Protein backbone atom coordinates (compact mmCIF):
# COMPACT_ATOMS: atom_id res chain seq x y z
CA MET A 1 17.96 -19.29 -7.08
CA LYS A 2 17.12 -15.50 -6.82
CA LEU A 3 13.38 -16.47 -5.50
CA ARG A 4 14.90 -18.54 -2.77
CA VAL A 5 17.07 -15.70 -2.09
CA TRP A 6 14.41 -13.03 -1.94
CA TRP A 7 12.14 -15.21 0.08
CA ALA A 8 14.83 -15.97 2.52
CA LEU A 9 15.00 -12.22 3.04
CA ALA A 10 11.45 -11.41 3.12
CA ARG A 11 10.80 -13.70 5.52
CA GLY A 12 13.15 -12.00 7.88
CA VAL A 13 11.25 -8.55 7.12
CA LEU A 14 8.13 -10.60 8.11
CA LEU A 15 9.72 -11.91 11.25
CA GLU A 16 10.47 -8.49 12.30
CA SER A 17 7.40 -7.46 11.77
CA LEU A 18 5.92 -9.87 14.11
CA ARG A 19 8.89 -8.71 16.99
CA ARG A 20 8.05 -5.45 16.55
CA LYS A 21 4.45 -6.55 16.82
CA ASP A 22 3.26 -3.98 14.29
CA LEU A 23 0.89 -6.00 13.14
CA TRP A 24 -0.84 -7.07 16.49
CA VAL A 25 -0.99 -3.50 17.04
CA VAL A 26 -2.93 -2.91 13.59
CA ALA A 27 -5.05 -5.45 14.16
CA ILE A 28 -6.09 -4.39 18.03
CA LEU A 29 -6.98 -0.85 16.41
CA GLY A 30 -8.86 -2.45 13.86
CA MET A 31 -10.98 -4.65 16.50
CA ILE A 32 -11.78 -1.73 18.41
CA ILE A 33 -13.37 0.46 15.76
CA MET A 34 -14.99 -2.26 14.01
CA ALA A 35 -16.16 -3.65 17.31
CA ALA A 36 -17.64 -0.29 18.30
CA SER A 37 -19.21 0.11 14.56
CA GLY A 38 -20.45 -3.46 15.26
CA ALA A 39 -22.27 -2.17 18.09
CA LEU A 40 -24.76 -0.36 16.08
CA GLY A 41 -25.69 -3.41 14.38
CA PHE A 42 -26.06 -5.52 17.27
CA PHE A 43 -28.33 -3.29 18.64
CA GLY A 44 -30.59 -2.77 15.79
CA VAL A 45 -29.82 0.17 14.03
CA ASP A 46 -31.43 -0.45 10.67
CA GLY A 47 -30.40 1.64 7.57
CA LEU A 48 -26.59 2.08 7.83
CA GLN A 49 -25.69 -0.81 5.72
CA THR A 50 -23.76 2.18 3.47
CA PHE A 51 -22.39 4.06 6.67
CA ALA A 52 -20.50 0.52 7.76
CA LYS A 53 -19.45 -0.68 4.39
CA ASP A 54 -17.86 3.03 4.04
CA LEU A 55 -16.45 2.98 7.39
CA GLY A 56 -14.85 -0.53 6.55
CA VAL A 57 -13.10 0.37 3.57
CA THR A 58 -11.76 3.48 5.28
CA VAL A 59 -10.41 1.48 8.21
CA LEU A 60 -8.95 -0.83 5.48
CA GLY A 61 -7.30 2.01 3.79
CA LEU A 62 -6.11 3.93 6.85
CA PHE A 63 -4.64 1.41 8.46
CA SER A 64 -2.51 -0.77 5.96
CA THR A 65 -1.63 2.76 4.32
CA VAL A 66 0.02 3.15 7.69
CA ILE A 67 1.48 -0.41 7.97
CA ALA A 68 2.55 -0.44 4.69
CA ILE A 69 4.63 2.78 5.06
CA LEU A 70 6.32 2.44 8.52
CA THR A 71 7.15 -1.18 7.44
CA THR A 72 9.10 -0.12 4.18
CA ALA A 73 10.58 3.22 5.27
CA ARG A 74 13.10 1.63 7.84
CA LEU A 75 13.85 -1.02 6.09
CA LEU A 76 17.21 -0.18 4.41
CA PRO A 77 18.20 2.46 7.15
CA ASP A 78 17.65 0.17 10.16
CA GLU A 79 20.12 -2.44 8.03
CA ILE A 80 22.71 0.26 7.76
CA ARG A 81 22.18 1.60 11.31
CA ASN A 82 22.37 -1.95 12.90
CA ARG A 83 25.39 -2.97 10.91
CA THR A 84 23.09 -6.35 9.44
CA LEU A 85 23.62 -5.44 6.23
CA TYR A 86 27.05 -6.16 5.89
CA PRO A 87 27.46 -9.77 6.54
CA LEU A 88 24.33 -9.90 4.24
CA LEU A 89 26.20 -8.17 1.41
CA ALA A 90 29.18 -10.28 2.25
CA ARG A 91 27.36 -13.44 1.25
CA PRO A 92 26.86 -13.84 -2.74
CA ILE A 93 23.81 -11.76 -2.85
CA SER A 94 23.74 -8.72 -4.87
CA ARG A 95 22.43 -5.40 -4.01
CA PHE A 96 19.50 -6.02 -6.29
CA ASP A 97 18.58 -9.13 -4.74
CA LEU A 98 18.83 -7.39 -1.10
CA LEU A 99 16.36 -4.88 -2.15
CA ALA A 100 13.87 -7.07 -4.07
CA GLY A 101 13.87 -9.55 -1.00
CA LYS A 102 13.10 -6.73 1.60
CA LEU A 103 10.45 -5.34 -0.94
CA MET A 104 9.07 -8.50 -1.34
CA GLY A 105 9.11 -8.91 2.98
CA ALA A 106 6.96 -5.40 3.00
CA ILE A 107 4.55 -6.49 0.65
CA LEU A 108 3.55 -9.28 2.48
CA ALA A 109 3.88 -8.14 5.82
CA THR A 110 1.67 -5.17 4.49
CA TRP A 111 -0.80 -7.99 2.86
CA LEU A 112 -1.24 -9.63 5.68
CA ALA A 113 -2.01 -6.78 7.96
CA PHE A 114 -4.55 -5.97 5.27
CA VAL A 115 -5.96 -9.25 5.59
CA ILE A 116 -6.28 -9.30 9.28
CA LEU A 117 -8.18 -6.27 8.81
CA LEU A 118 -10.23 -7.40 6.25
CA ALA A 119 -11.66 -10.30 8.41
CA LEU A 120 -12.43 -8.19 11.07
CA THR A 121 -14.13 -5.87 8.35
CA SER A 122 -15.70 -8.72 7.35
CA VAL A 123 -17.25 -9.69 10.48
CA ALA A 124 -18.64 -6.19 11.80
CA LEU A 125 -20.23 -5.88 8.11
CA LEU A 126 -21.93 -9.49 8.95
CA MET A 127 -23.08 -7.99 11.70
CA PHE A 128 -25.03 -5.27 9.76
CA GLY A 129 -26.44 -7.62 7.53
CA VAL A 130 -24.47 -6.44 4.54
CA ARG A 131 -24.58 -8.95 1.80
CA PHE A 132 -21.46 -10.01 0.08
CA GLU A 133 -21.11 -8.46 -3.68
CA ALA A 134 -18.63 -9.50 -6.19
CA ILE A 135 -16.96 -5.81 -6.14
CA MET A 136 -15.71 -6.42 -2.64
CA VAL A 137 -13.17 -9.11 -4.30
CA GLN A 138 -12.13 -6.71 -6.67
CA TYR A 139 -11.85 -3.87 -4.08
CA ALA A 140 -9.22 -6.28 -1.68
CA LEU A 141 -7.57 -7.70 -4.86
CA LEU A 142 -6.86 -4.02 -6.24
CA LYS A 143 -6.01 -2.43 -2.94
CA MET A 144 -3.69 -5.17 -2.05
CA VAL A 145 -1.98 -3.87 -5.60
CA GLY A 146 -1.93 -0.35 -4.61
CA LEU A 147 -0.33 -1.41 -1.31
CA GLY A 148 2.37 -3.33 -2.94
CA VAL A 149 3.02 -0.02 -5.13
CA LEU A 150 3.07 1.87 -2.13
CA CYS A 151 5.65 -0.12 -0.45
CA ALA A 152 7.75 0.06 -3.71
CA VAL A 153 7.56 3.81 -3.84
CA THR A 154 8.23 4.38 -0.28
CA LEU A 155 11.56 1.70 -0.54
CA THR A 156 12.61 3.87 -3.22
CA LEU A 157 12.51 7.36 -0.98
CA SER A 158 14.18 5.49 1.61
CA ALA A 159 17.18 4.80 -0.71
CA PHE A 160 17.51 8.67 -1.27
CA MET A 161 16.43 10.28 1.91
CA THR A 162 16.23 9.67 5.41
CA PRO A 163 13.04 7.49 6.75
CA SER A 164 11.45 10.41 8.37
CA ALA A 165 11.38 12.08 5.40
CA ALA A 166 10.66 9.15 3.14
CA ALA A 167 7.79 8.13 5.16
CA THR A 168 6.37 11.90 5.31
CA LEU A 169 6.46 12.29 1.69
CA SER A 170 4.77 8.86 1.46
CA PHE A 171 2.13 9.70 3.52
CA VAL A 172 1.67 13.00 1.49
CA VAL A 173 1.44 10.72 -1.72
CA ALA A 174 -0.80 8.55 -0.39
CA PHE A 175 -3.40 10.43 0.92
CA GLY A 176 -3.05 13.20 -1.05
CA SER A 177 -2.72 11.81 -4.63
CA SER A 178 -5.99 12.52 -5.60
CA MET A 179 -5.91 16.28 -4.91
CA ILE A 180 -2.56 16.22 -6.56
CA VAL A 181 -3.86 14.78 -9.59
CA ARG A 182 -6.92 17.29 -9.77
CA GLY A 183 -4.53 20.03 -9.09
CA LEU A 184 -2.03 19.08 -12.00
CA THR A 185 -5.58 18.59 -14.43
CA MET A 186 -6.55 22.33 -13.14
CA ALA A 187 -3.01 23.35 -14.10
CA TYR A 188 -2.76 21.83 -17.36
CA GLU A 189 -6.42 23.07 -18.22
CA THR A 190 -5.48 26.82 -17.74
CA SER A 191 -1.96 27.11 -18.87
CA SER A 192 -0.12 27.64 -22.22
CA PRO A 193 0.19 25.10 -24.63
CA ALA A 194 3.98 25.34 -24.16
CA MET A 195 3.62 24.65 -20.44
CA GLN A 196 0.79 21.46 -20.52
CA TRP A 197 3.73 19.05 -21.70
CA PHE A 198 5.32 19.63 -18.44
CA PHE A 199 2.10 18.91 -16.23
CA LYS A 200 1.26 16.26 -18.21
CA PHE A 201 4.41 14.72 -17.74
CA ILE A 202 4.43 14.99 -13.96
CA ASN A 203 1.47 13.30 -13.97
CA SER A 204 2.33 10.45 -15.62
CA ILE A 205 5.09 9.76 -13.31
CA LEU A 206 3.21 10.07 -10.20
CA PRO A 207 1.82 7.14 -8.50
CA GLN A 208 -2.14 7.05 -9.37
CA PHE A 209 -3.33 5.54 -6.36
CA GLY A 210 -6.81 6.65 -6.75
CA LEU A 211 -6.64 3.96 -9.65
CA PHE A 212 -6.71 1.10 -6.99
CA ASP A 213 -9.25 2.38 -4.44
CA ILE A 214 -12.77 1.52 -5.62
CA GLY A 215 -13.78 1.71 -1.96
CA PRO A 216 -16.59 4.38 -2.92
CA ARG A 217 -17.92 1.97 -5.18
CA VAL A 218 -17.84 -0.67 -2.59
CA ALA A 219 -19.85 1.33 0.10
CA ASN A 220 -23.21 1.95 -2.36
CA GLU A 221 -25.55 -0.86 -3.18
CA ASN A 222 -25.90 -2.56 -6.19
CA TRP A 223 -22.63 -1.48 -8.19
CA ALA A 224 -21.46 -3.55 -10.73
CA PRO A 225 -18.22 -5.14 -10.74
CA VAL A 226 -15.30 -3.42 -12.51
CA PRO A 227 -15.02 -4.90 -15.92
CA LEU A 228 -12.20 -8.13 -16.20
CA TRP A 229 -9.94 -5.74 -18.43
CA VAL A 230 -9.94 -2.98 -16.61
CA VAL A 231 -8.81 -4.70 -13.33
CA GLY A 232 -5.91 -6.46 -15.79
CA GLY A 233 -4.59 -3.18 -16.94
CA LEU A 234 -4.34 -1.98 -13.25
CA LEU A 235 -2.71 -5.46 -12.25
CA ALA A 236 -0.61 -4.71 -15.22
CA TYR A 237 0.35 -0.99 -14.43
CA GLY A 238 1.07 -2.03 -10.66
CA VAL A 239 3.33 -4.31 -11.39
CA ALA A 240 5.23 -2.09 -14.03
CA TYR A 241 5.20 0.66 -11.37
CA ALA A 242 6.66 -1.31 -8.66
CA GLY A 243 9.02 -2.76 -11.01
CA GLY A 244 10.46 0.75 -11.90
CA MET A 245 10.52 2.02 -8.55
CA LEU A 246 12.63 -0.91 -7.66
CA LEU A 247 15.32 -0.15 -10.55
CA LEU A 248 15.18 3.22 -9.68
CA ALA A 249 15.81 2.21 -5.94
CA TRP A 250 18.78 -0.22 -7.33
CA SER A 251 20.24 2.53 -9.28
CA LYS A 252 20.88 4.51 -6.07
CA PHE A 253 21.94 2.13 -3.68
CA ARG A 254 24.22 0.26 -6.26
CA SER A 255 26.86 2.82 -5.72
CA GLN A 256 26.03 3.89 -2.46
CA ALA A 257 28.74 3.34 0.42
CA VAL A 258 27.77 1.62 3.30
């Protein structure tokens, strides 16, 4: 029963994303960039396979991250501002079901945008004569898991702050997570033992988006696939972290006056 409710809410998010033409904008931008990249291959520029793959994963990461944050950050505020939240809550739908369905819709919309960009990128890479490697499948899978975690983080932030603030902080965390982790690691190594636990704790609760991005491995030639136990561990971490974010958002939203 709950899955049917979640799917109904998720389908509404998908339809709204299509109505706003978010996915079409992403597709057009991705097509323009990858067409420019593919033109190099068409005119016979050799030795750019690494550049092509690096550009491809960069485009995928950039635009899918943008669509994930912008789609998710406005879900709850738009429902409240447009007063469409009240008819939903008047039905036998709990606030947790509402959040879970909205999150599912945001993830599906983000994944759809990612798949569109992935298809365009694949075409451009074929124009460069880049051969298929198994690690590319792992890249797509782990990237989708990371995008799901990003949607959960953004939804939780939107429950505690304004949409613009939630989107801004999500962009900072998404694009600066590796830098933040390096900073915490340096602070840990140079701090006193009494403060090391604090930096370790902060690092443990931050979303580790860098773990899901194996783009640098994909961009290089002849890299072996990631061990399956590592992929499985990252999948489990992603599901657990997204679930924790959903519970945190629910703990705030269940007592929030709307």
